[in-house]
Amino acid sequence: MSISILPPSANGSKLRPMVGAVTYIRVSTKEQTENLSLSTQLKACEEYCQRQGFEVLARFHEEGESEDSRSD
């Protein structure tokens, strides 16, 4: 994946261009909901984006069991 950087602004601003980000968080097992909750993951993603100067454009989340973690 490549990230394109916009050319300098027309007004000569020296600010770094804002980069967009999308967050995707999920838990797939009951144990993960206890140890790595969606809210914990979301907070970590939001803080990371803020530190890096990324604007969060969309947030996606998924909860539930994956195929591998289901018991038959």
N, C-alpha and C. Protein backbone atom coordinates (compact mmCIF):
# COMPACT_ATOMS: atom_id res chain seq x y z
N MET A 1 0.84 -1.16 0.00
CA MET A 1 0.00 0.00 0.00
C MET A 1 0.89 1.23 0.00
N SER A 2 0.50 2.22 -0.77
CA SER A 2 1.27 3.46 -0.80
C SER A 2 0.40 4.61 -0.32
N ILE A 3 1.03 5.58 0.28
CA ILE A 3 0.33 6.77 0.74
C ILE A 3 0.85 7.94 -0.06
N SER A 4 -0.05 8.64 -0.71
CA SER A 4 0.39 9.79 -1.49
C SER A 4 0.30 11.03 -0.61
N ILE A 5 1.30 11.86 -0.70
CA ILE A 5 1.35 13.11 0.06
C ILE A 5 0.95 14.23 -0.89
N LEU A 6 0.06 15.07 -0.42
CA LEU A 6 -0.39 16.19 -1.24
C LEU A 6 0.73 17.21 -1.39
N PRO A 7 0.72 17.93 -2.51
CA PRO A 7 1.73 18.98 -2.68
C PRO A 7 1.54 20.08 -1.65
N PRO A 8 2.57 20.92 -1.45
CA PRO A 8 2.44 22.01 -0.47
C PRO A 8 1.20 22.85 -0.77
N SER A 9 0.62 23.40 0.26
CA SER A 9 -0.60 24.20 0.07
C SER A 9 -0.30 25.47 -0.70
N ALA A 10 -1.33 25.99 -1.33
CA ALA A 10 -1.19 27.19 -2.15
C ALA A 10 -0.82 28.40 -1.30
N ASN A 11 -1.20 28.39 -0.03
CA ASN A 11 -0.91 29.54 0.82
C ASN A 11 0.47 29.45 1.48
N GLY A 12 1.25 28.45 1.12
CA GLY A 12 2.60 28.32 1.64
C GLY A 12 2.70 27.74 3.04
N SER A 13 1.64 27.17 3.52
CA SER A 13 1.64 26.60 4.87
C SER A 13 2.70 25.52 5.00
N LYS A 14 3.38 25.51 6.13
CA LYS A 14 4.41 24.52 6.39
C LYS A 14 3.86 23.33 7.17
N LEU A 15 2.56 23.34 7.46
CA LEU A 15 1.97 22.24 8.22
C LEU A 15 1.98 20.96 7.41
N ARG A 16 2.20 19.88 8.11
CA ARG A 16 2.16 18.56 7.49
C ARG A 16 0.74 18.26 7.04
N PRO A 17 0.56 17.73 5.84
CA PRO A 17 -0.80 17.40 5.39
C PRO A 17 -1.45 16.38 6.32
N MET A 18 -2.74 16.52 6.54
CA MET A 18 -3.48 15.58 7.36
C MET A 18 -3.65 14.29 6.57
N VAL A 19 -3.37 13.17 7.21
CA VAL A 19 -3.51 11.86 6.59
C VAL A 19 -4.73 11.19 7.19
N GLY A 20 -5.57 10.62 6.33
CA GLY A 20 -6.77 9.94 6.80
C GLY A 20 -6.46 8.52 7.24
N ALA A 21 -7.26 8.03 8.19
CA ALA A 21 -7.10 6.67 8.69
C ALA A 21 -8.47 6.05 8.90
N VAL A 22 -8.51 4.74 8.85
CA VAL A 22 -9.70 3.97 9.15
C VAL A 22 -9.33 2.98 10.25
N THR A 23 -10.15 2.88 11.29
CA THR A 23 -9.87 1.92 12.34
C THR A 23 -10.79 0.72 12.20
N TYR A 24 -10.25 -0.44 12.51
CA TYR A 24 -11.02 -1.69 12.49
C TYR A 24 -10.67 -2.43 13.77
N ILE A 25 -11.65 -2.66 14.60
CA ILE A 25 -11.42 -3.36 15.86
C ILE A 25 -12.36 -4.55 15.94
N ARG A 26 -11.89 -5.61 16.61
CA ARG A 26 -12.75 -6.79 16.72
C ARG A 26 -12.31 -7.66 17.88
N VAL A 27 -13.26 -8.42 18.35
CA VAL A 27 -12.99 -9.52 19.27
C VAL A 27 -13.70 -10.73 18.69
N SER A 28 -13.10 -11.89 18.84
CA SER A 28 -13.70 -13.08 18.24
C SER A 28 -14.05 -14.16 19.25
N THR A 29 -13.54 -14.05 20.45
CA THR A 29 -13.87 -15.06 21.46
C THR A 29 -14.33 -14.37 22.74
N LYS A 30 -15.01 -15.13 23.57
CA LYS A 30 -15.48 -14.59 24.84
C LYS A 30 -14.31 -14.14 25.71
N GLU A 31 -13.22 -14.91 25.69
CA GLU A 31 -12.04 -14.55 26.48
C GLU A 31 -11.47 -13.20 26.05
N GLN A 32 -11.49 -12.93 24.75
CA GLN A 32 -10.96 -11.66 24.26
C GLN A 32 -11.82 -10.49 24.72
N THR A 33 -13.13 -10.70 24.85
CA THR A 33 -13.99 -9.61 25.30
C THR A 33 -13.64 -9.20 26.73
N GLU A 34 -13.11 -10.15 27.50
CA GLU A 34 -12.74 -9.85 28.89
C GLU A 34 -11.37 -9.17 28.97
N ASN A 35 -10.46 -9.52 28.07
CA ASN A 35 -9.09 -9.02 28.15
C ASN A 35 -8.77 -7.90 27.17
N LEU A 36 -9.43 -7.87 26.06
CA LEU A 36 -9.11 -6.89 25.02
C LEU A 36 -10.41 -6.37 24.43
N SER A 37 -11.15 -5.63 25.23
CA SER A 37 -12.48 -5.18 24.84
C SER A 37 -12.42 -4.22 23.66
N LEU A 38 -13.57 -4.08 23.00
CA LEU A 38 -13.65 -3.15 21.88
C LEU A 38 -13.32 -1.73 22.31
N SER A 39 -13.78 -1.34 23.49
CA SER A 39 -13.49 0.02 23.96
C SER A 39 -12.00 0.23 24.21
N THR A 40 -11.31 -0.80 24.70
CA THR A 40 -9.87 -0.71 24.91
C THR A 40 -9.14 -0.57 23.58
N GLN A 41 -9.54 -1.37 22.61
CA GLN A 41 -8.93 -1.30 21.28
C GLN A 41 -9.20 0.06 20.62
N LEU A 42 -10.45 0.53 20.73
CA LEU A 42 -10.80 1.81 20.12
C LEU A 42 -9.97 2.94 20.71
N LYS A 43 -9.82 2.93 22.03
CA LYS A 43 -9.02 3.96 22.68
C LYS A 43 -7.58 3.93 22.19
N ALA A 44 -7.01 2.73 22.07
CA ALA A 44 -5.63 2.60 21.59
C ALA A 44 -5.51 3.12 20.15
N CYS A 45 -6.47 2.79 19.32
CA CYS A 45 -6.43 3.25 17.91
C CYS A 45 -6.56 4.77 17.84
N GLU A 46 -7.50 5.32 18.60
CA GLU A 46 -7.71 6.77 18.59
C GLU A 46 -6.46 7.50 19.07
N GLU A 47 -5.85 7.00 20.15
CA GLU A 47 -4.65 7.64 20.67
C GLU A 47 -3.50 7.56 19.68
N TYR A 48 -3.35 6.41 19.02
CA TYR A 48 -2.28 6.26 18.03
C TYR A 48 -2.48 7.26 16.89
N CYS A 49 -3.70 7.34 16.37
CA CYS A 49 -3.98 8.25 15.27
C CYS A 49 -3.71 9.70 15.68
N GLN A 50 -4.09 10.05 16.89
CA GLN A 50 -3.85 11.41 17.37
C GLN A 50 -2.35 11.71 17.44
N ARG A 51 -1.58 10.76 17.97
CA ARG A 51 -0.12 10.96 18.07
C ARG A 51 0.53 11.10 16.70
N GLN A 52 0.02 10.37 15.73
CA GLN A 52 0.61 10.38 14.39
C GLN A 52 0.07 11.51 13.50
N GLY A 53 -0.95 12.21 13.99
CA GLY A 53 -1.54 13.29 13.20
C GLY A 53 -2.51 12.79 12.14
N PHE A 54 -3.08 11.61 12.35
CA PHE A 54 -4.03 11.05 11.39
C PHE A 54 -5.45 11.47 11.76
N GLU A 55 -6.25 11.78 10.77
CA GLU A 55 -7.66 12.06 10.97
C GLU A 55 -8.43 10.75 10.77
N VAL A 56 -9.19 10.33 11.75
CA VAL A 56 -9.97 9.10 11.62
C VAL A 56 -11.20 9.40 10.77
N LEU A 57 -11.25 8.79 9.59
CA LEU A 57 -12.34 9.03 8.66
C LEU A 57 -13.51 8.08 8.87
N ALA A 58 -13.22 6.88 9.37
CA ALA A 58 -14.27 5.89 9.61
C ALA A 58 -13.81 4.93 10.68
N ARG A 59 -14.78 4.39 11.40
CA ARG A 59 -14.51 3.41 12.46
C ARG A 59 -15.37 2.18 12.21
N PHE A 60 -14.75 1.03 12.19
CA PHE A 60 -15.46 -0.23 12.00
C PHE A 60 -15.19 -1.13 13.20
N HIS A 61 -16.20 -1.89 13.61
CA HIS A 61 -15.98 -2.84 14.70
C HIS A 61 -16.78 -4.11 14.40
N GLU A 62 -16.28 -5.18 14.96
CA GLU A 62 -16.90 -6.49 14.78
C GLU A 62 -16.75 -7.25 16.08
N GLU A 63 -17.83 -7.82 16.51
CA GLU A 63 -17.75 -8.67 17.70
C GLU A 63 -18.46 -9.98 17.39
N GLY A 64 -17.96 -11.02 17.96
CA GLY A 64 -18.53 -12.33 17.71
C GLY A 64 -17.43 -13.33 17.50
N GLU A 65 -17.81 -14.55 17.31
CA GLU A 65 -16.84 -15.62 17.18
C GLU A 65 -16.47 -15.84 15.72
N SER A 66 -15.20 -16.11 15.49
CA SER A 66 -14.74 -16.45 14.15
C SER A 66 -14.97 -17.94 13.92
N GLU A 67 -14.84 -18.38 12.69
CA GLU A 67 -15.03 -19.79 12.35
C GLU A 67 -14.10 -20.69 13.15
N ASP A 68 -12.87 -20.26 13.35
CA ASP A 68 -11.87 -21.09 14.04
C ASP A 68 -12.16 -21.24 15.53
N SER A 69 -12.87 -20.28 16.11
CA SER A 69 -13.05 -20.32 17.56
C SER A 69 -14.38 -20.93 17.99
N ARG A 70 -15.22 -21.29 17.04
CA ARG A 70 -16.51 -21.91 17.38
C ARG A 70 -16.33 -23.37 17.74
N SER A 71 -17.07 -23.79 18.74
CA SER A 71 -17.02 -25.22 19.09
C SER A 71 -18.23 -25.89 18.47
N ASP A 72 -18.04 -27.06 17.90
CA ASP A 72 -19.12 -27.80 17.23
C ASP A 72 -19.80 -28.75 18.16
